[in-house]
Amino acid sequence: SAPPTEWEDQLADAIEAGFAAGHWELDALVAFVREHGVR
């Protein structure tokens, strides 16, 4: 219904980077996103 917000883009970038770094398990992915400063 609208373009992604800046925060949604940051979250998507962090998730994508987490997958690229091999963090496939949910706990590890959440920790990766947290470590990259996306709240």
PDB file of all heavy atoms in Angstrom:
ATOM      1  N   SER A   1       0.825  -1.206   0.000  1.00  0.00           N
ATOM      2  CA  SER A   1       0.000   0.000   0.000  1.00  0.00           C
ATOM      3  C   SER A   1       0.861   1.259   0.000  1.00  0.00           C
ATOM      4  O   SER A   1       0.358   2.343  -0.288  1.00  0.00           O
ATOM      5  CB  SER A   1      -0.921   0.003   1.221  1.00  0.00           C
ATOM      6  OG  SER A   1      -0.160  -0.050   2.414  1.00  0.00           O
ATOM      7  N   ALA A   2       2.152   1.109   0.326  1.00  0.00           N
ATOM      8  CA  ALA A   2       3.073   2.252   0.350  1.00  0.00           C
ATOM      9  C   ALA A   2       4.496   1.725   0.223  1.00  0.00           C
ATOM     10  O   ALA A   2       4.757   0.550   0.494  1.00  0.00           O
ATOM     11  CB  ALA A   2       2.928   3.014   1.659  1.00  0.00           C
ATOM     12  N   PRO A   3       5.425   2.570  -0.186  1.00  0.00           N
ATOM     13  CA  PRO A   3       6.825   2.140  -0.228  1.00  0.00           C
ATOM     14  C   PRO A   3       7.325   1.813   1.181  1.00  0.00           C
ATOM     15  O   PRO A   3       6.783   2.333   2.158  1.00  0.00           O
ATOM     16  CB  PRO A   3       7.575   3.347  -0.785  1.00  0.00           C
ATOM     17  CG  PRO A   3       6.554   4.289  -1.280  1.00  0.00           C
ATOM     18  CD  PRO A   3       5.251   3.942  -0.639  1.00  0.00           C
ATOM     19  N   PRO A   4       8.349   0.961   1.304  1.00  0.00           N
ATOM     20  CA  PRO A   4       8.876   0.656   2.630  1.00  0.00           C
ATOM     21  C   PRO A   4       9.447   1.909   3.292  1.00  0.00           C
ATOM     22  O   PRO A   4       9.979   2.790   2.629  1.00  0.00           O
ATOM     23  CB  PRO A   4       9.987  -0.360   2.376  1.00  0.00           C
ATOM     24  CG  PRO A   4      10.049  -0.592   0.925  1.00  0.00           C
ATOM     25  CD  PRO A   4       9.040   0.267   0.246  1.00  0.00           C
ATOM     26  N   THR A   5       9.321   1.944   4.608  1.00  0.00           N
ATOM     27  CA  THR A   5       9.897   3.054   5.363  1.00  0.00           C
ATOM     28  C   THR A   5      11.403   2.869   5.475  1.00  0.00           C
ATOM     29  O   THR A   5      11.934   1.782   5.187  1.00  0.00           O
ATOM     30  CB  THR A   5       9.297   3.129   6.774  1.00  0.00           C
ATOM     31  OG1 THR A   5       9.692   1.938   7.494  1.00  0.00           O
ATOM     32  CG2 THR A   5       7.780   3.248   6.740  1.00  0.00           C
ATOM     33  N   GLU A   6      12.083   3.898   5.931  1.00  0.00           N
ATOM     34  CA  GLU A   6      13.532   3.791   6.138  1.00  0.00           C
ATOM     35  C   GLU A   6      13.844   2.689   7.150  1.00  0.00           C
ATOM     36  O   GLU A   6      14.778   1.910   6.964  1.00  0.00           O
ATOM     37  CB  GLU A   6      14.089   5.129   6.623  1.00  0.00           C
ATOM     38  CG  GLU A   6      15.595   5.136   6.780  1.00  0.00           C
ATOM     39  CD  GLU A   6      16.140   6.479   7.223  1.00  0.00           C
ATOM     40  OE1 GLU A   6      15.507   7.505   6.937  1.00  0.00           O
ATOM     41  OE2 GLU A   6      17.214   6.480   7.854  1.00  0.00           O
ATOM     42  N   TRP A   7      13.037   2.600   8.213  1.00  0.00           N
ATOM     43  CA  TRP A   7      13.251   1.564   9.222  1.00  0.00           C
ATOM     44  C   TRP A   7      13.047   0.173   8.617  1.00  0.00           C
ATOM     45  O   TRP A   7      13.824  -0.743   8.879  1.00  0.00           O
ATOM     46  CB  TRP A   7      12.295   1.771  10.407  1.00  0.00           C
ATOM     47  CG  TRP A   7      12.414   0.682  11.421  1.00  0.00           C
ATOM     48  CD1 TRP A   7      13.340   0.585  12.416  1.00  0.00           C
ATOM     49  CD2 TRP A   7      11.613  -0.494  11.507  1.00  0.00           C
ATOM     50  NE1 TRP A   7      13.154  -0.588  13.113  1.00  0.00           N
ATOM     51  CE2 TRP A   7      12.095  -1.260  12.573  1.00  0.00           C
ATOM     52  CE3 TRP A   7      10.532  -0.974  10.789  1.00  0.00           C
ATOM     53  CZ2 TRP A   7      11.528  -2.471  12.945  1.00  0.00           C
ATOM     54  CZ3 TRP A   7       9.974  -2.184  11.150  1.00  0.00           C
ATOM     55  CH2 TRP A   7      10.468  -2.914  12.221  1.00  0.00           C
ATOM     56  N   GLU A   8      12.015  -0.001   7.785  1.00  0.00           N
ATOM     57  CA  GLU A   8      11.782  -1.298   7.148  1.00  0.00           C
ATOM     58  C   GLU A   8      12.940  -1.670   6.229  1.00  0.00           C
ATOM     59  O   GLU A   8      13.344  -2.842   6.181  1.00  0.00           O
ATOM     60  CB  GLU A   8      10.464  -1.279   6.376  1.00  0.00           C
ATOM     61  CG  GLU A   8       9.249  -1.239   7.269  1.00  0.00           C
ATOM     62  CD  GLU A   8       7.959  -0.971   6.529  1.00  0.00           C
ATOM     63  OE1 GLU A   8       8.004  -0.444   5.393  1.00  0.00           O
ATOM     64  OE2 GLU A   8       6.889  -1.271   7.091  1.00  0.00           O
ATOM     65  N   ASP A   9      13.490  -0.677   5.523  1.00  0.00           N
ATOM     66  CA  ASP A   9      14.665  -0.931   4.682  1.00  0.00           C
ATOM     67  C   ASP A   9      15.865  -1.355   5.528  1.00  0.00           C
ATOM     68  O   ASP A   9      16.600  -2.279   5.159  1.00  0.00           O
ATOM     69  CB  ASP A   9      15.029   0.301   3.857  1.00  0.00           C
ATOM     70  CG  ASP A   9      14.145   0.483   2.636  1.00  0.00           C
ATOM     71  OD1 ASP A   9      13.539  -0.509   2.181  1.00  0.00           O
ATOM     72  OD2 ASP A   9      14.070   1.628   2.144  1.00  0.00           O
ATOM     73  N   GLN A  10      16.073  -0.704   6.663  1.00  0.00           N
ATOM     74  CA  GLN A  10      17.186  -1.065   7.548  1.00  0.00           C
ATOM     75  C   GLN A  10      17.006  -2.471   8.088  1.00  0.00           C
ATOM     76  O   GLN A  10      17.962  -3.254   8.136  1.00  0.00           O
ATOM     77  CB  GLN A  10      17.302  -0.068   8.701  1.00  0.00           C
ATOM     78  CG  GLN A  10      17.783   1.289   8.293  1.00  0.00           C
ATOM     79  CD  GLN A  10      17.713   2.298   9.431  1.00  0.00           C
ATOM     80  OE1 GLN A  10      17.151   2.043  10.488  1.00  0.00           O
ATOM     81  NE2 GLN A  10      18.281   3.457   9.193  1.00  0.00           N
ATOM     82  N   LEU A  11      15.799  -2.808   8.486  1.00  0.00           N
ATOM     83  CA  LEU A  11      15.525  -4.156   8.984  1.00  0.00           C
ATOM     84  C   LEU A  11      15.766  -5.187   7.887  1.00  0.00           C
ATOM     85  O   LEU A  11      16.420  -6.208   8.118  1.00  0.00           O
ATOM     86  CB  LEU A  11      14.090  -4.252   9.503  1.00  0.00           C
ATOM     87  CG  LEU A  11      13.641  -5.623  10.000  1.00  0.00           C
ATOM     88  CD1 LEU A  11      14.513  -6.103  11.162  1.00  0.00           C
ATOM     89  CD2 LEU A  11      12.173  -5.584  10.400  1.00  0.00           C
ATOM     90  N   ALA A  12      15.264  -4.917   6.692  1.00  0.00           N
ATOM     91  CA  ALA A  12      15.457  -5.843   5.573  1.00  0.00           C
ATOM     92  C   ALA A  12      16.940  -6.016   5.255  1.00  0.00           C
ATOM     93  O   ALA A  12      17.400  -7.144   5.010  1.00  0.00           O
ATOM     94  CB  ALA A  12      14.703  -5.347   4.343  1.00  0.00           C
ATOM     95  N   ASP A  13      17.697  -4.919   5.266  1.00  0.00           N
ATOM     96  CA  ASP A  13      19.141  -5.004   5.004  1.00  0.00           C
ATOM     97  C   ASP A  13      19.837  -5.859   6.056  1.00  0.00           C
ATOM     98  O   ASP A  13      20.710  -6.672   5.729  1.00  0.00           O
ATOM     99  CB  ASP A  13      19.774  -3.614   4.970  1.00  0.00           C
ATOM    100  CG  ASP A  13      19.370  -2.807   3.740  1.00  0.00           C
ATOM    101  OD1 ASP A  13      18.831  -3.393   2.781  1.00  0.00           O
ATOM    102  OD2 ASP A  13      19.605  -1.576   3.762  1.00  0.00           O
ATOM    103  N   ALA A  14      19.457  -5.682   7.333  1.00  0.00           N
ATOM    104  CA  ALA A  14      20.077  -6.465   8.414  1.00  0.00           C
ATOM    105  C   ALA A  14      19.725  -7.942   8.292  1.00  0.00           C
ATOM    106  O   ALA A  14      20.581  -8.811   8.491  1.00  0.00           O
ATOM    107  CB  ALA A  14      19.651  -5.914   9.773  1.00  0.00           C
ATOM    108  N   ILE A  15      18.479  -8.241   7.953  1.00  0.00           N
ATOM    109  CA  ILE A  15      18.066  -9.639   7.784  1.00  0.00           C
ATOM    110  C   ILE A  15      18.823 -10.265   6.617  1.00  0.00           C
ATOM    111  O   ILE A  15      19.343 -11.386   6.721  1.00  0.00           O
ATOM    112  CB  ILE A  15      16.542  -9.741   7.585  1.00  0.00           C
ATOM    113  CG1 ILE A  15      15.819  -9.345   8.871  1.00  0.00           C
ATOM    114  CG2 ILE A  15      16.141 -11.141   7.135  1.00  0.00           C
ATOM    115  CD1 ILE A  15      14.313  -9.175   8.711  1.00  0.00           C
ATOM    116  N   GLU A  16      18.899  -9.548   5.516  1.00  0.00           N
ATOM    117  CA  GLU A  16      19.618 -10.057   4.343  1.00  0.00           C
ATOM    118  C   GLU A  16      21.093 -10.301   4.667  1.00  0.00           C
ATOM    119  O   GLU A  16      21.655 -11.332   4.280  1.00  0.00           O
ATOM    120  CB  GLU A  16      19.483  -9.057   3.201  1.00  0.00           C
ATOM    121  CG  GLU A  16      19.990  -9.565   1.883  1.00  0.00           C
ATOM    122  CD  GLU A  16      19.699  -8.577   0.764  1.00  0.00           C
ATOM    123  OE1 GLU A  16      18.539  -8.172   0.606  1.00  0.00           O
ATOM    124  OE2 GLU A  16      20.659  -8.227   0.047  1.00  0.00           O
ATOM    125  N   ALA A  17      21.717  -9.373   5.383  1.00  0.00           N
ATOM    126  CA  ALA A  17      23.124  -9.541   5.777  1.00  0.00           C
ATOM    127  C   ALA A  17      23.282 -10.726   6.716  1.00  0.00           C
ATOM    128  O   ALA A  17      24.274 -11.461   6.641  1.00  0.00           O
ATOM    129  CB  ALA A  17      23.643  -8.261   6.429  1.00  0.00           C
ATOM    130  N   GLY A  18      22.315 -10.923   7.594  1.00  0.00           N
ATOM    131  CA  GLY A  18      22.363 -12.068   8.508  1.00  0.00           C
ATOM    132  C   GLY A  18      22.304 -13.386   7.759  1.00  0.00           C
ATOM    133  O   GLY A  18      23.067 -14.311   8.042  1.00  0.00           O
ATOM    134  N   PHE A  19      21.406 -13.470   6.786  1.00  0.00           N
ATOM    135  CA  PHE A  19      21.337 -14.688   5.969  1.00  0.00           C
ATOM    136  C   PHE A  19      22.642 -14.887   5.196  1.00  0.00           C
ATOM    137  O   PHE A  19      23.164 -16.004   5.116  1.00  0.00           O
ATOM    138  CB  PHE A  19      20.165 -14.644   5.001  1.00  0.00           C
ATOM    139  CG  PHE A  19      18.821 -14.877   5.641  1.00  0.00           C
ATOM    140  CD1 PHE A  19      17.708 -14.177   5.186  1.00  0.00           C
ATOM    141  CD2 PHE A  19      18.642 -15.788   6.662  1.00  0.00           C
ATOM    142  CE1 PHE A  19      16.459 -14.392   5.744  1.00  0.00           C
ATOM    143  CE2 PHE A  19      17.396 -16.007   7.236  1.00  0.00           C
ATOM    144  CZ  PHE A  19      16.308 -15.303   6.772  1.00  0.00           C
ATOM    145  N   ALA A  20      23.171 -13.808   4.636  1.00  0.00           N
ATOM    146  CA  ALA A  20      24.422 -13.903   3.871  1.00  0.00           C
ATOM    147  C   ALA A  20      25.571 -14.363   4.742  1.00  0.00           C
ATOM    148  O   ALA A  20      26.491 -15.027   4.272  1.00  0.00           O
ATOM    149  CB  ALA A  20      24.747 -12.557   3.221  1.00  0.00           C
ATOM    150  N   ALA A  21      25.528 -14.010   6.028  1.00  0.00           N
ATOM    151  CA  ALA A  21      26.580 -14.417   6.967  1.00  0.00           C
ATOM    152  C   ALA A  21      26.353 -15.831   7.510  1.00  0.00           C
ATOM    153  O   ALA A  21      27.130 -16.315   8.327  1.00  0.00           O
ATOM    154  CB  ALA A  21      26.663 -13.421   8.125  1.00  0.00           C
ATOM    155  N   GLY A  22      25.284 -16.487   7.072  1.00  0.00           N
ATOM    156  CA  GLY A  22      25.045 -17.875   7.461  1.00  0.00           C
ATOM    157  C   GLY A  22      24.198 -18.048   8.704  1.00  0.00           C
ATOM    158  O   GLY A  22      24.155 -19.127   9.278  1.00  0.00           O
ATOM    159  N   HIS A  23      23.501 -17.008   9.121  1.00  0.00           N
ATOM    160  CA  HIS A  23      22.644 -17.095  10.306  1.00  0.00           C
ATOM    161  C   HIS A  23      21.242 -17.524   9.885  1.00  0.00           C
ATOM    162  O   HIS A  23      20.383 -16.701   9.617  1.00  0.00           O
ATOM    163  CB  HIS A  23      22.615 -15.751  11.047  1.00  0.00           C
ATOM    164  CG  HIS A  23      23.950 -15.311  11.503  1.00  0.00           C
ATOM    165  ND1 HIS A  23      24.646 -15.954  12.501  1.00  0.00           N
ATOM    166  CD2 HIS A  23      24.755 -14.319  11.071  1.00  0.00           C
ATOM    167  CE1 HIS A  23      25.809 -15.361  12.687  1.00  0.00           C
ATOM    168  NE2 HIS A  23      25.901 -14.363  11.819  1.00  0.00           N
ATOM    169  N   TRP A  24      21.039 -18.838   9.837  1.00  0.00           N
ATOM    170  CA  TRP A  24      19.777 -19.388   9.352  1.00  0.00           C
ATOM    171  C   TRP A  24      18.809 -19.702  10.481  1.00  0.00           C
ATOM    172  O   TRP A  24      17.604 -19.768  10.260  1.00  0.00           O
ATOM    173  CB  TRP A  24      20.031 -20.657   8.538  1.00  0.00           C
ATOM    174  CG  TRP A  24      20.837 -20.373   7.332  1.00  0.00           C
ATOM    175  CD1 TRP A  24      22.190 -20.567   7.180  1.00  0.00           C
ATOM    176  CD2 TRP A  24      20.394 -19.796   6.103  1.00  0.00           C
ATOM    177  NE1 TRP A  24      22.586 -20.154   5.938  1.00  0.00           N
ATOM    178  CE2 TRP A  24      21.498 -19.673   5.255  1.00  0.00           C
ATOM    179  CE3 TRP A  24      19.152 -19.372   5.652  1.00  0.00           C
ATOM    180  CZ2 TRP A  24      21.398 -19.150   3.976  1.00  0.00           C
ATOM    181  CZ3 TRP A  24      19.049 -18.849   4.374  1.00  0.00           C
ATOM    182  CH2 TRP A  24      20.172 -18.746   3.552  1.00  0.00           C
ATOM    183  N   GLU A  25      19.321 -19.926  11.676  1.00  0.00           N
ATOM    184  CA  GLU A  25      18.459 -20.223  12.822  1.00  0.00           C
ATOM    185  C   GLU A  25      17.910 -18.916  13.373  1.00  0.00           C
ATOM    186  O   GLU A  25      18.596 -17.896  13.397  1.00  0.00           O
ATOM    187  CB  GLU A  25      19.241 -20.974  13.907  1.00  0.00           C
ATOM    188  CG  GLU A  25      19.789 -22.317  13.450  1.00  0.00           C
ATOM    189  CD  GLU A  25      18.694 -23.300  13.069  1.00  0.00           C
ATOM    190  OE1 GLU A  25      17.633 -23.306  13.737  1.00  0.00           O
ATOM    191  OE2 GLU A  25      18.894 -24.055  12.104  1.00  0.00           O
ATOM    192  N   LEU A  26      16.673 -18.937  13.835  1.00  0.00           N
ATOM    193  CA  LEU A  26      16.000 -17.726  14.271  1.00  0.00           C
ATOM    194  C   LEU A  26      16.753 -17.011  15.385  1.00  0.00           C
ATOM    195  O   LEU A  26      16.942 -15.792  15.330  1.00  0.00           O
ATOM    196  CB  LEU A  26      14.563 -18.044  14.704  1.00  0.00           C
ATOM    197  CG  LEU A  26      13.701 -16.856  15.089  1.00  0.00           C
ATOM    198  CD1 LEU A  26      13.602 -15.839  13.960  1.00  0.00           C
ATOM    199  CD2 LEU A  26      12.318 -17.329  15.511  1.00  0.00           C
ATOM    200  N   ASP A  27      17.203 -17.750  16.402  1.00  0.00           N
ATOM    201  CA  ASP A  27      17.933 -17.122  17.511  1.00  0.00           C
ATOM    202  C   ASP A  27      19.174 -16.392  17.004  1.00  0.00           C
ATOM    203  O   ASP A  27      19.451 -15.269  17.433  1.00  0.00           O
ATOM    204  CB  ASP A  27      18.367 -18.167  18.548  1.00  0.00           C
ATOM    205  CG  ASP A  27      17.203 -18.761  19.314  1.00  0.00           C
ATOM    206  OD1 ASP A  27      16.102 -18.178  19.271  1.00  0.00           O
ATOM    207  OD2 ASP A  27      17.402 -19.806  19.957  1.00  0.00           O
ATOM    208  N   ALA A  28      19.912 -17.025  16.113  1.00  0.00           N
ATOM    209  CA  ALA A  28      21.135 -16.417  15.589  1.00  0.00           C
ATOM    210  C   ALA A  28      20.815 -15.210  14.719  1.00  0.00           C
ATOM    211  O   ALA A  28      21.516 -14.192  14.777  1.00  0.00           O
ATOM    212  CB  ALA A  28      21.939 -17.447  14.791  1.00  0.00           C
ATOM    213  N   LEU A  29      19.751 -15.281  13.936  1.00  0.00           N
ATOM    214  CA  LEU A  29      19.370 -14.156  13.084  1.00  0.00           C
ATOM    215  C   LEU A  29      18.941 -12.961  13.929  1.00  0.00           C
ATOM    216  O   LEU A  29      19.338 -11.830  13.665  1.00  0.00           O
ATOM    217  CB  LEU A  29      18.257 -14.572  12.121  1.00  0.00           C
ATOM    218  CG  LEU A  29      17.787 -13.493  11.158  1.00  0.00           C
ATOM    219  CD1 LEU A  29      18.939 -13.016  10.255  1.00  0.00           C
ATOM    220  CD2 LEU A  29      16.622 -14.001  10.329  1.00  0.00           C
ATOM    221  N   VAL A  30      18.139 -13.205  14.960  1.00  0.00           N
ATOM    222  CA  VAL A  30      17.703 -12.120  15.844  1.00  0.00           C
ATOM    223  C   VAL A  30      18.910 -11.489  16.525  1.00  0.00           C
ATOM    224  O   VAL A  30      19.013 -10.253  16.609  1.00  0.00           O
ATOM    225  CB  VAL A  30      16.666 -12.627  16.863  1.00  0.00           C
ATOM    226  CG1 VAL A  30      16.372 -11.570  17.919  1.00  0.00           C
ATOM    227  CG2 VAL A  30      15.380 -13.050  16.161  1.00  0.00           C
ATOM    228  N   ALA A  31      19.845 -12.295  16.986  1.00  0.00           N
ATOM    229  CA  ALA A  31      21.054 -11.760  17.620  1.00  0.00           C
ATOM    230  C   ALA A  31      21.848 -10.919  16.623  1.00  0.00           C
ATOM    231  O   ALA A  31      22.365  -9.851  16.974  1.00  0.00           O
ATOM    232  CB  ALA A  31      21.910 -12.902  18.169  1.00  0.00           C
ATOM    233  N   PHE A  32      21.952 -11.365  15.396  1.00  0.00           N
ATOM    234  CA  PHE A  32      22.674 -10.622  14.362  1.00  0.00           C
ATOM    235  C   PHE A  32      22.011  -9.264  14.114  1.00  0.00           C
ATOM    236  O   PHE A  32      22.683  -8.238  14.052  1.00  0.00           O
ATOM    237  CB  PHE A  32      22.714 -11.444  13.068  1.00  0.00           C
ATOM    238  CG  PHE A  32      23.514 -10.807  11.972  1.00  0.00           C
ATOM    239  CD1 PHE A  32      24.865 -11.059  11.851  1.00  0.00           C
ATOM    240  CD2 PHE A  32      22.911  -9.942  11.064  1.00  0.00           C
ATOM    241  CE1 PHE A  32      25.612 -10.464  10.837  1.00  0.00           C
ATOM    242  CE2 PHE A  32      23.643  -9.347  10.050  1.00  0.00           C
ATOM    243  CZ  PHE A  32      25.004  -9.611   9.940  1.00  0.00           C
ATOM    244  N   VAL A  33      20.703  -9.243  13.984  1.00  0.00           N
ATOM    245  CA  VAL A  33      19.977  -7.990  13.754  1.00  0.00           C
ATOM    246  C   VAL A  33      20.181  -7.050  14.942  1.00  0.00           C
ATOM    247  O   VAL A  33      20.414  -5.858  14.777  1.00  0.00           O
ATOM    248  CB  VAL A  33      18.473  -8.267  13.489  1.00  0.00           C
ATOM    249  CG1 VAL A  33      17.666  -6.988  13.487  1.00  0.00           C
ATOM    250  CG2 VAL A  33      18.300  -9.025  12.179  1.00  0.00           C
ATOM    251  N   ARG A  34      20.117  -7.611  16.140  1.00  0.00           N
ATOM    252  CA  ARG A  34      20.345  -6.808  17.354  1.00  0.00           C
ATOM    253  C   ARG A  34      21.731  -6.206  17.348  1.00  0.00           C
ATOM    254  O   ARG A  34      21.918  -5.023  17.642  1.00  0.00           O
ATOM    255  CB  ARG A  34      20.167  -7.716  18.574  1.00  0.00           C
ATOM    256  CG  ARG A  34      19.293  -7.166  19.632  1.00  0.00           C
ATOM    257  CD  ARG A  34      19.205  -8.014  20.877  1.00  0.00           C
ATOM    258  NE  ARG A  34      19.702  -9.350  20.789  1.00  0.00           N
ATOM    259  CZ  ARG A  34      18.996 -10.439  21.088  1.00  0.00           C
ATOM    260  NH1 ARG A  34      17.761 -10.347  21.482  1.00  0.00           N
ATOM    261  NH2 ARG A  34      19.533 -11.634  20.996  1.00  0.00           N
ATOM    262  N   GLU A  35      22.745  -7.014  17.024  1.00  0.00           N
ATOM    263  CA  GLU A  35      24.141  -6.558  16.999  1.00  0.00           C
ATOM    264  C   GLU A  35      24.368  -5.464  15.956  1.00  0.00           C
ATOM    265  O   GLU A  35      25.289  -4.665  16.097  1.00  0.00           O
ATOM    266  CB  GLU A  35      25.080  -7.735  16.714  1.00  0.00           C
ATOM    267  CG  GLU A  35      25.185  -8.718  17.851  1.00  0.00           C
ATOM    268  CD  GLU A  35      25.864 -10.019  17.446  1.00  0.00           C
ATOM    269  OE1 GLU A  35      26.411 -10.101  16.318  1.00  0.00           O
ATOM    270  OE2 GLU A  35      25.822 -10.966  18.252  1.00  0.00           O
ATOM    271  N   HIS A  36      23.548  -5.443  14.924  1.00  0.00           N
ATOM    272  CA  HIS A  36      23.698  -4.441  13.875  1.00  0.00           C
ATOM    273  C   HIS A  36      22.876  -3.183  14.142  1.00  0.00           C
ATOM    274  O   HIS A  36      22.742  -2.336  13.267  1.00  0.00           O
ATOM    275  CB  HIS A  36      23.399  -5.053  12.502  1.00  0.00           C
ATOM    276  CG  HIS A  36      24.578  -5.834  12.016  1.00  0.00           C
ATOM    277  ND1 HIS A  36      24.889  -7.075  12.497  1.00  0.00           N
ATOM    278  CD2 HIS A  36      25.546  -5.500  11.147  1.00  0.00           C
ATOM    279  CE1 HIS A  36      26.001  -7.494  11.922  1.00  0.00           C
ATOM    280  NE2 HIS A  36      26.426  -6.556  11.099  1.00  0.00           N
ATOM    281  N   GLY A  37      22.357  -3.074  15.352  1.00  0.00           N
ATOM    282  CA  GLY A  37      21.748  -1.839  15.811  1.00  0.00           C
ATOM    283  C   GLY A  37      20.343  -1.545  15.351  1.00  0.00           C
ATOM    284  O   GLY A  37      19.852  -0.441  15.548  1.00  0.00           O
ATOM    285  N   VAL A  38      19.682  -2.516  14.744  1.00  0.00           N
ATOM    286  CA  VAL A  38      18.298  -2.285  14.341  1.00  0.00           C
ATOM    287  C   VAL A  38      17.405  -2.723  15.497  1.00  0.00           C
ATOM    288  O   VAL A  38      17.422  -3.882  15.898  1.00  0.00           O
ATOM    289  CB  VAL A  38      17.929  -3.067  13.055  1.00  0.00           C
ATOM    290  CG1 VAL A  38      16.491  -2.803  12.671  1.00  0.00           C
ATOM    291  CG2 VAL A  38      18.873  -2.705  11.927  1.00  0.00           C
ATOM    292  N   ARG A  39      16.681  -1.772  16.036  1.00  0.00           N
ATOM    293  CA  ARG A  39      15.780  -2.057  17.157  1.00  0.00           C
ATOM    294  C   ARG A  39      14.362  -2.258  16.653  1.00  0.00           C
ATOM    295  O   ARG A  39      14.055  -1.946  15.510  1.00  0.00           O
ATOM    296  CB  ARG A  39      15.839  -0.926  18.167  1.00  0.00           C
ATOM    297  CG  ARG A  39      17.194  -0.846  18.839  1.00  0.00           C
ATOM    298  CD  ARG A  39      17.199   0.234  19.899  1.00  0.00           C
ATOM    299  NE  ARG A  39      18.379   0.133  20.723  1.00  0.00           N
ATOM    300  CZ  ARG A  39      18.439  -0.518  21.885  1.00  0.00           C
ATOM    301  NH1 ARG A  39      17.368  -1.105  22.371  1.00  0.00           N
ATOM    302  NH2 ARG A  39      19.556  -0.560  22.563  1.00  0.00           N
TER     303      ARG A  39
END
